[in-house]
Amino acid sequence: MAKRRVEPRGRTLVLCVLSCFVLVAMAVIYRRSEGMSRARELDRLQERRLQLEGRRASLQGDIRAASSRVRLAPIAERKLGMRIATDSQYVILPSTRLAP
């Protein structure tokens, strides 16, 4: 005896539609939560970057201040016995260019 083909009933169609709706809703919610967590991470990283750029500017200012002649001259005179040369102690060498 052959089985006859049974058409899906209304309840089955409603169940399939609702199941698809729930799956799509779950995917949307997951995507939004991932997007929000990534946005928070980007905000945190951008804040960290701004802090590091401020620190970098501060350190560059400290380097400029520490390497200035006003700061280095007394240290060089005291520790190394160096002094700033007078005008008469400069020697200007003539430029010697080799002919091609």
C-alpha atoms as a PDB file:
ATOM      1  CA  MET A   1       0.000   0.000   0.000  1.00  0.00           C
ATOM      2  CA  ALA A   2       1.510   3.325  -1.077  1.00  0.00           C
ATOM      3  CA  LYS A   3       1.567   6.229   1.261  1.00  0.00           C
ATOM      4  CA  ARG A   4      -0.072   9.292  -0.067  1.00  0.00           C
ATOM      5  CA  ARG A   5       1.673  12.639   0.063  1.00  0.00           C
ATOM      6  CA  VAL A   6       0.522  14.784   2.949  1.00  0.00           C
ATOM      7  CA  GLU A   7       0.332  18.551   2.463  1.00  0.00           C
ATOM      8  CA  PRO A   8       1.794  20.636   5.298  1.00  0.00           C
ATOM      9  CA  ARG A   9      -0.919  21.993   7.506  1.00  0.00           C
ATOM     10  CA  GLY A  10      -1.329  25.527   8.773  1.00  0.00           C
ATOM     11  CA  ARG A  11       0.295  24.793  12.122  1.00  0.00           C
ATOM     12  CA  THR A  12       3.437  23.441  10.464  1.00  0.00           C
ATOM     13  CA  LEU A  13       3.776  26.522   8.266  1.00  0.00           C
ATOM     14  CA  VAL A  14       3.286  28.813  11.262  1.00  0.00           C
ATOM     15  CA  LEU A  15       5.926  26.845  13.192  1.00  0.00           C
ATOM     16  CA  CYS A  16       8.415  27.145  10.318  1.00  0.00           C
ATOM     17  CA  VAL A  17       7.785  30.878   9.916  1.00  0.00           C
ATOM     18  CA  LEU A  18       8.119  31.534  13.648  1.00  0.00           C
ATOM     19  CA  SER A  19      11.284  29.419  13.836  1.00  0.00           C
ATOM     20  CA  CYS A  20      12.821  31.401  10.972  1.00  0.00           C
ATOM     21  CA  PHE A  21      11.801  34.651  12.664  1.00  0.00           C
ATOM     22  CA  VAL A  22      13.425  33.583  15.953  1.00  0.00           C
ATOM     23  CA  LEU A  23      16.647  32.558  14.181  1.00  0.00           C
ATOM     24  CA  VAL A  24      16.834  35.857  12.288  1.00  0.00           C
ATOM     25  CA  ALA A  25      16.121  37.813  15.485  1.00  0.00           C
ATOM     26  CA  MET A  26      18.866  35.905  17.308  1.00  0.00           C
ATOM     27  CA  ALA A  27      21.319  36.676  14.500  1.00  0.00           C
ATOM     28  CA  VAL A  28      20.419  40.378  14.592  1.00  0.00           C
ATOM     29  CA  ILE A  29      20.803  40.552  18.366  1.00  0.00           C
ATOM     30  CA  TYR A  30      24.159  38.758  18.204  1.00  0.00           C
ATOM     31  CA  ARG A  31      25.412  41.082  15.479  1.00  0.00           C
ATOM     32  CA  ARG A  32      24.337  44.176  17.417  1.00  0.00           C
ATOM     33  CA  SER A  33      25.951  42.974  20.648  1.00  0.00           C
ATOM     34  CA  GLU A  34      29.192  42.225  18.783  1.00  0.00           C
ATOM     35  CA  GLY A  35      29.077  45.664  17.169  1.00  0.00           C
ATOM     36  CA  MET A  36      28.544  47.364  20.509  1.00  0.00           C
ATOM     37  CA  SER A  37      31.384  45.469  22.154  1.00  0.00           C
ATOM     38  CA  ARG A  38      33.692  46.366  19.263  1.00  0.00           C
ATOM     39  CA  ALA A  39      32.616  50.013  19.495  1.00  0.00           C
ATOM     40  CA  ARG A  40      33.465  50.020  23.214  1.00  0.00           C
ATOM     41  CA  GLU A  41      36.836  48.455  22.443  1.00  0.00           C
ATOM     42  CA  LEU A  42      37.517  51.080  19.761  1.00  0.00           C
ATOM     43  CA  ASP A  43      36.600  53.870  22.187  1.00  0.00           C
ATOM     44  CA  ARG A  44      38.918  52.398  24.806  1.00  0.00           C
ATOM     45  CA  LEU A  45      41.771  52.091  22.310  1.00  0.00           C
ATOM     46  CA  GLN A  46      41.235  55.622  21.029  1.00  0.00           C
ATOM     47  CA  GLU A  47      41.337  56.972  24.587  1.00  0.00           C
ATOM     48  CA  ARG A  48      44.552  55.025  25.213  1.00  0.00           C
ATOM     49  CA  ARG A  49      46.021  56.425  21.983  1.00  0.00           C
ATOM     50  CA  LEU A  50      45.213  59.989  23.056  1.00  0.00           C
ATOM     51  CA  GLN A  51      46.860  59.366  26.420  1.00  0.00           C
ATOM     52  CA  LEU A  52      49.961  57.940  24.753  1.00  0.00           C
ATOM     53  CA  GLU A  53      50.174  60.863  22.322  1.00  0.00           C
ATOM     54  CA  GLY A  54      50.011  63.278  25.251  1.00  0.00           C
ATOM     55  CA  ARG A  55      52.719  61.333  27.044  1.00  0.00           C
ATOM     56  CA  ARG A  56      54.827  61.348  23.872  1.00  0.00           C
ATOM     57  CA  ALA A  57      54.511  65.128  23.528  1.00  0.00           C
ATOM     58  CA  SER A  58      55.483  65.526  27.169  1.00  0.00           C
ATOM     59  CA  LEU A  59      58.532  63.285  26.764  1.00  0.00           C
ATOM     60  CA  GLN A  60      59.616  65.089  23.594  1.00  0.00           C
ATOM     61  CA  GLY A  61      59.434  68.375  25.494  1.00  0.00           C
ATOM     62  CA  ASP A  62      61.541  66.860  28.274  1.00  0.00           C
ATOM     63  CA  ILE A  63      64.102  65.648  25.714  1.00  0.00           C
ATOM     64  CA  ARG A  64      64.298  69.085  24.103  1.00  0.00           C
ATOM     65  CA  ALA A  65      64.751  70.717  27.500  1.00  0.00           C
ATOM     66  CA  ALA A  66      67.384  68.200  28.606  1.00  0.00           C
ATOM     67  CA  SER A  67      69.382  68.449  25.374  1.00  0.00           C
ATOM     68  CA  SER A  68      69.450  72.230  25.175  1.00  0.00           C
ATOM     69  CA  ARG A  69      72.769  74.033  25.366  1.00  0.00           C
ATOM     70  CA  VAL A  70      71.675  75.880  28.497  1.00  0.00           C
ATOM     71  CA  ARG A  71      71.242  72.560  30.293  1.00  0.00           C
ATOM     72  CA  LEU A  72      74.169  70.650  28.779  1.00  0.00           C
ATOM     73  CA  ALA A  73      76.877  73.355  28.994  1.00  0.00           C
ATOM     74  CA  PRO A  74      77.167  73.386  32.814  1.00  0.00           C
ATOM     75  CA  ILE A  75      77.173  69.586  32.951  1.00  0.00           C
ATOM     76  CA  ALA A  76      79.874  69.333  30.261  1.00  0.00           C
ATOM     77  CA  GLU A  77      81.975  71.969  31.999  1.00  0.00           C
ATOM     78  CA  ARG A  78      81.644  70.329  35.398  1.00  0.00           C
ATOM     79  CA  LYS A  79      81.948  66.621  34.555  1.00  0.00           C
ATOM     80  CA  LEU A  80      84.058  66.622  31.397  1.00  0.00           C
ATOM     81  CA  GLY A  81      86.080  69.795  31.803  1.00  0.00           C
ATOM     82  CA  MET A  82      84.797  71.134  28.496  1.00  0.00           C
ATOM     83  CA  ARG A  83      84.067  74.746  27.667  1.00  0.00           C
ATOM     84  CA  ILE A  84      82.503  76.698  24.845  1.00  0.00           C
ATOM     85  CA  ALA A  85      85.082  77.706  22.252  1.00  0.00           C
ATOM     86  CA  THR A  86      85.813  81.389  21.704  1.00  0.00           C
ATOM     87  CA  ASP A  87      85.743  82.938  18.238  1.00  0.00           C
ATOM     88  CA  SER A  88      89.515  82.825  17.960  1.00  0.00           C
ATOM     89  CA  GLN A  89      89.524  79.065  18.540  1.00  0.00           C
ATOM     90  CA  TYR A  90      87.349  78.243  15.539  1.00  0.00           C
ATOM     91  CA  VAL A  91      89.163  76.858  12.509  1.00  0.00           C
ATOM     92  CA  ILE A  92      87.405  77.104   9.185  1.00  0.00           C
ATOM     93  CA  LEU A  93      88.745  74.561   6.746  1.00  0.00           C
ATOM     94  CA  PRO A  94      88.699  75.356   3.039  1.00  0.00           C
ATOM     95  CA  SER A  95      86.409  73.268   0.895  1.00  0.00           C
ATOM     96  CA  THR A  96      88.360  70.850  -1.253  1.00  0.00           C
ATOM     97  CA  ARG A  97      86.328  69.539  -4.132  1.00  0.00           C
ATOM     98  CA  LEU A  98      87.715  66.788  -6.228  1.00  0.00           C
ATOM     99  CA  ALA A  99      87.564  67.342  -9.960  1.00  0.00           C
ATOM    100  CA  PRO A 100      85.608  64.667 -11.814  1.00  0.00           C
END
